[in-house]
Amino acid sequence: MHGRQTGPLVFYTAAGAVDNAFPPTGRTFAMTESHWFRMREGKIFEHWANRDDLGMARQLGWLPPSPWYLLRAMRLKAHAVREVRSGR
């Protein structure tokens, strides 16, 4: 898989609260990903996936985060929390 982060990435908890936010960096990434399926009676009944999230995070500049990036992430998370509270 490959791509470019051009927009914010916000993760939410199961309850709908903002968990984490990653502001866009404009950087590209490329990573490996594999999927395994178990079939039963012609249907998928189990699925496993493996991907290199740590490698992607490093390529996008999320890790190690610079002080400037941490500040941007905090501002994005605060904005996302306000949107959740306002019902947007």
N, C-alpha and C. Protein backbone atom coordinates (compact mmCIF):
# COMPACT_ATOMS: atom_id res chain seq x y z
N MET A 1 0.85 -1.16 0.00
CA MET A 1 0.00 0.00 0.00
C MET A 1 0.90 1.22 0.00
N HIS A 2 0.47 2.26 -0.67
CA HIS A 2 1.20 3.53 -0.64
C HIS A 2 0.21 4.67 -0.73
N GLY A 3 0.64 5.83 -0.29
CA GLY A 3 -0.24 6.99 -0.33
C GLY A 3 0.44 8.23 0.17
N ARG A 4 -0.36 9.28 0.35
CA ARG A 4 0.12 10.56 0.86
C ARG A 4 -0.92 11.05 1.87
N GLN A 5 -0.46 11.52 3.01
CA GLN A 5 -1.39 12.04 4.02
C GLN A 5 -1.67 13.51 3.71
N THR A 6 -2.85 13.77 3.17
CA THR A 6 -3.21 15.14 2.79
C THR A 6 -4.27 15.74 3.70
N GLY A 7 -4.85 14.93 4.56
CA GLY A 7 -5.88 15.43 5.48
C GLY A 7 -5.66 14.89 6.87
N PRO A 8 -6.39 15.41 7.85
CA PRO A 8 -6.23 14.93 9.22
C PRO A 8 -6.75 13.51 9.37
N LEU A 9 -6.15 12.78 10.30
CA LEU A 9 -6.59 11.42 10.63
C LEU A 9 -6.96 11.43 12.11
N VAL A 10 -8.24 11.20 12.41
CA VAL A 10 -8.72 11.23 13.79
C VAL A 10 -9.28 9.87 14.15
N PHE A 11 -8.86 9.34 15.30
CA PHE A 11 -9.36 8.06 15.80
C PHE A 11 -10.31 8.33 16.96
N TYR A 12 -11.37 7.51 17.03
CA TYR A 12 -12.38 7.66 18.07
C TYR A 12 -12.46 6.37 18.89
N THR A 13 -12.87 6.49 20.15
CA THR A 13 -13.09 5.32 20.99
C THR A 13 -14.42 4.68 20.60
N ALA A 14 -14.69 3.51 21.14
CA ALA A 14 -15.96 2.83 20.86
C ALA A 14 -17.15 3.66 21.33
N ALA A 15 -16.93 4.50 22.34
CA ALA A 15 -18.01 5.35 22.87
C ALA A 15 -18.18 6.64 22.06
N GLY A 16 -17.31 6.88 21.08
CA GLY A 16 -17.43 8.06 20.23
C GLY A 16 -16.59 9.24 20.65
N ALA A 17 -15.76 9.09 21.68
CA ALA A 17 -14.88 10.17 22.11
C ALA A 17 -13.63 10.19 21.23
N VAL A 18 -13.03 11.36 21.11
CA VAL A 18 -11.79 11.48 20.33
C VAL A 18 -10.67 10.81 21.10
N ASP A 19 -9.98 9.89 20.43
CA ASP A 19 -8.88 9.17 21.05
C ASP A 19 -7.53 9.78 20.67
N ASN A 20 -7.32 10.02 19.39
CA ASN A 20 -6.05 10.54 18.91
C ASN A 20 -6.27 11.29 17.61
N ALA A 21 -5.38 12.22 17.30
CA ALA A 21 -5.50 12.99 16.07
C ALA A 21 -4.12 13.22 15.48
N PHE A 22 -4.02 13.03 14.17
CA PHE A 22 -2.76 13.20 13.45
C PHE A 22 -2.96 14.23 12.34
N PRO A 23 -2.37 15.42 12.47
CA PRO A 23 -2.52 16.43 11.42
C PRO A 23 -1.79 16.00 10.15
N PRO A 24 -2.21 16.50 9.00
CA PRO A 24 -1.58 16.10 7.74
C PRO A 24 -0.14 16.59 7.66
N THR A 25 0.71 15.76 7.07
CA THR A 25 2.11 16.12 6.87
C THR A 25 2.43 16.37 5.41
N GLY A 26 1.58 15.86 4.51
CA GLY A 26 1.86 15.97 3.08
C GLY A 26 2.89 14.98 2.59
N ARG A 27 3.42 14.16 3.49
CA ARG A 27 4.44 13.18 3.12
C ARG A 27 3.81 11.93 2.52
N THR A 28 4.62 11.22 1.74
CA THR A 28 4.17 9.95 1.17
C THR A 28 4.67 8.79 2.02
N PHE A 29 4.05 7.63 1.85
CA PHE A 29 4.48 6.43 2.54
C PHE A 29 4.26 5.23 1.63
N ALA A 30 4.99 4.17 1.91
CA ALA A 30 4.80 2.88 1.23
C ALA A 30 5.03 1.81 2.27
N MET A 31 4.15 0.81 2.30
CA MET A 31 4.28 -0.24 3.31
C MET A 31 3.73 -1.54 2.78
N THR A 32 4.17 -2.62 3.40
CA THR A 32 3.65 -3.94 3.04
C THR A 32 2.43 -4.25 3.89
N GLU A 33 1.58 -5.07 3.33
CA GLU A 33 0.36 -5.47 4.01
C GLU A 33 -0.02 -6.84 3.48
N SER A 34 -0.45 -7.72 4.36
CA SER A 34 -0.90 -9.03 3.91
C SER A 34 -2.17 -9.42 4.66
N HIS A 35 -2.99 -10.23 3.99
CA HIS A 35 -4.26 -10.68 4.56
C HIS A 35 -4.39 -12.19 4.39
N TRP A 36 -4.93 -12.85 5.40
CA TRP A 36 -5.20 -14.28 5.35
C TRP A 36 -6.67 -14.51 5.66
N PHE A 37 -7.24 -15.45 4.95
CA PHE A 37 -8.65 -15.79 5.13
C PHE A 37 -8.79 -17.28 5.37
N ARG A 38 -9.72 -17.65 6.23
CA ARG A 38 -10.12 -19.05 6.38
C ARG A 38 -11.53 -19.16 5.84
N MET A 39 -11.69 -20.13 5.00
CA MET A 39 -12.98 -20.34 4.34
C MET A 39 -13.69 -21.53 4.96
N ARG A 40 -14.99 -21.43 5.01
CA ARG A 40 -15.82 -22.54 5.46
C ARG A 40 -17.09 -22.52 4.61
N GLU A 41 -17.35 -23.62 3.94
CA GLU A 41 -18.53 -23.76 3.08
C GLU A 41 -18.61 -22.62 2.06
N GLY A 42 -17.45 -22.28 1.50
CA GLY A 42 -17.41 -21.27 0.45
C GLY A 42 -17.51 -19.83 0.92
N LYS A 43 -17.45 -19.61 2.25
CA LYS A 43 -17.56 -18.25 2.79
C LYS A 43 -16.38 -17.97 3.71
N ILE A 44 -16.01 -16.71 3.78
CA ILE A 44 -14.95 -16.30 4.71
C ILE A 44 -15.53 -16.31 6.12
N PHE A 45 -14.86 -17.05 7.02
CA PHE A 45 -15.33 -17.02 8.40
C PHE A 45 -14.26 -16.52 9.36
N GLU A 46 -13.03 -16.33 8.89
CA GLU A 46 -11.98 -15.70 9.70
C GLU A 46 -11.10 -14.89 8.78
N HIS A 47 -10.59 -13.80 9.32
CA HIS A 47 -9.70 -12.92 8.55
C HIS A 47 -8.62 -12.38 9.48
N TRP A 48 -7.37 -12.45 9.01
CA TRP A 48 -6.25 -11.86 9.74
C TRP A 48 -5.53 -10.91 8.80
N ALA A 49 -4.98 -9.86 9.36
CA ALA A 49 -4.23 -8.90 8.56
C ALA A 49 -2.97 -8.51 9.30
N ASN A 50 -1.95 -8.15 8.53
CA ASN A 50 -0.68 -7.73 9.08
C ASN A 50 -0.18 -6.57 8.21
N ARG A 51 0.15 -5.45 8.86
CA ARG A 51 0.70 -4.33 8.11
C ARG A 51 1.72 -3.61 8.96
N ASP A 52 2.56 -2.81 8.34
CA ASP A 52 3.66 -2.13 9.01
C ASP A 52 3.24 -0.71 9.41
N ASP A 53 2.44 -0.59 10.46
CA ASP A 53 1.99 0.72 10.92
C ASP A 53 3.14 1.57 11.47
N LEU A 54 4.09 0.94 12.15
CA LEU A 54 5.23 1.69 12.69
C LEU A 54 6.05 2.29 11.57
N GLY A 55 6.31 1.52 10.52
CA GLY A 55 7.06 2.04 9.37
C GLY A 55 6.32 3.20 8.72
N MET A 56 4.99 3.07 8.59
CA MET A 56 4.20 4.15 8.01
C MET A 56 4.29 5.40 8.88
N ALA A 57 4.18 5.24 10.20
CA ALA A 57 4.23 6.38 11.11
C ALA A 57 5.58 7.10 11.01
N ARG A 58 6.65 6.36 10.86
CA ARG A 58 7.97 6.98 10.71
C ARG A 58 8.07 7.74 9.38
N GLN A 59 7.57 7.14 8.31
CA GLN A 59 7.64 7.79 7.01
C GLN A 59 6.80 9.08 6.96
N LEU A 60 5.67 9.08 7.67
CA LEU A 60 4.80 10.25 7.68
C LEU A 60 5.27 11.34 8.65
N GLY A 61 6.29 11.06 9.45
CA GLY A 61 6.80 12.06 10.39
C GLY A 61 6.06 12.09 11.71
N TRP A 62 5.23 11.06 11.96
CA TRP A 62 4.53 11.00 13.24
C TRP A 62 5.49 10.57 14.35
N LEU A 63 6.49 9.77 14.01
CA LEU A 63 7.46 9.25 14.98
C LEU A 63 8.87 9.43 14.44
N PRO A 64 9.81 9.89 15.20
CA PRO A 64 9.58 10.58 16.47
C PRO A 64 8.97 11.95 16.18
N PRO A 65 8.02 12.37 16.98
CA PRO A 65 7.35 13.65 16.69
C PRO A 65 8.22 14.84 17.08
N SER A 66 8.19 15.84 16.24
CA SER A 66 8.89 17.09 16.58
C SER A 66 8.00 17.88 17.54
N PRO A 67 8.56 18.82 18.28
CA PRO A 67 7.72 19.65 19.16
C PRO A 67 6.63 20.38 18.36
N TRP A 68 6.96 20.86 17.16
CA TRP A 68 5.98 21.55 16.32
C TRP A 68 4.84 20.62 15.94
N TYR A 69 5.16 19.36 15.58
CA TYR A 69 4.13 18.40 15.20
C TYR A 69 3.24 18.06 16.41
N LEU A 70 3.82 17.91 17.58
CA LEU A 70 3.03 17.65 18.79
C LEU A 70 2.05 18.78 19.06
N LEU A 71 2.48 20.01 18.86
CA LEU A 71 1.58 21.15 19.06
C LEU A 71 0.43 21.10 18.05
N ARG A 72 0.74 20.81 16.79
CA ARG A 72 -0.31 20.70 15.76
C ARG A 72 -1.28 19.58 16.11
N ALA A 73 -0.76 18.45 16.61
CA ALA A 73 -1.62 17.32 16.98
C ALA A 73 -2.54 17.69 18.14
N MET A 74 -2.02 18.40 19.12
CA MET A 74 -2.84 18.83 20.26
C MET A 74 -3.96 19.76 19.80
N ARG A 75 -3.64 20.68 18.90
CA ARG A 75 -4.66 21.62 18.39
C ARG A 75 -5.72 20.88 17.59
N LEU A 76 -5.31 19.92 16.76
CA LEU A 76 -6.27 19.14 15.97
C LEU A 76 -7.18 18.32 16.88
N LYS A 77 -6.60 17.71 17.91
CA LYS A 77 -7.42 16.90 18.83
C LYS A 77 -8.43 17.78 19.56
N ALA A 78 -8.01 18.96 20.00
CA ALA A 78 -8.93 19.88 20.69
C ALA A 78 -10.06 20.29 19.74
N HIS A 79 -9.73 20.53 18.49
CA HIS A 79 -10.76 20.89 17.49
C HIS A 79 -11.74 19.73 17.28
N ALA A 80 -11.20 18.52 17.18
CA ALA A 80 -12.07 17.33 16.98
C ALA A 80 -12.97 17.11 18.19
N VAL A 81 -12.46 17.34 19.39
CA VAL A 81 -13.27 17.19 20.61
C VAL A 81 -14.41 18.21 20.59
N ARG A 82 -14.11 19.46 20.19
CA ARG A 82 -15.16 20.48 20.11
C ARG A 82 -16.25 20.08 19.11
N GLU A 83 -15.84 19.51 17.98
CA GLU A 83 -16.81 19.07 16.98
C GLU A 83 -17.70 17.95 17.51
N VAL A 84 -17.09 17.01 18.24
CA VAL A 84 -17.89 15.91 18.82
C VAL A 84 -18.90 16.47 19.81
N ARG A 85 -18.46 17.38 20.64
CA ARG A 85 -19.36 17.96 21.65
C ARG A 85 -20.48 18.77 21.05
N SER A 86 -20.21 19.42 19.91
CA SER A 86 -21.24 20.22 19.26
C SER A 86 -22.18 19.38 18.39
N GLY A 87 -21.84 18.10 18.22
CA GLY A 87 -22.70 17.21 17.46
C GLY A 87 -22.48 17.24 15.96
N ARG A 88 -21.38 17.78 15.50
CA ARG A 88 -21.09 17.84 14.06
C ARG A 88 -20.68 16.53 13.50
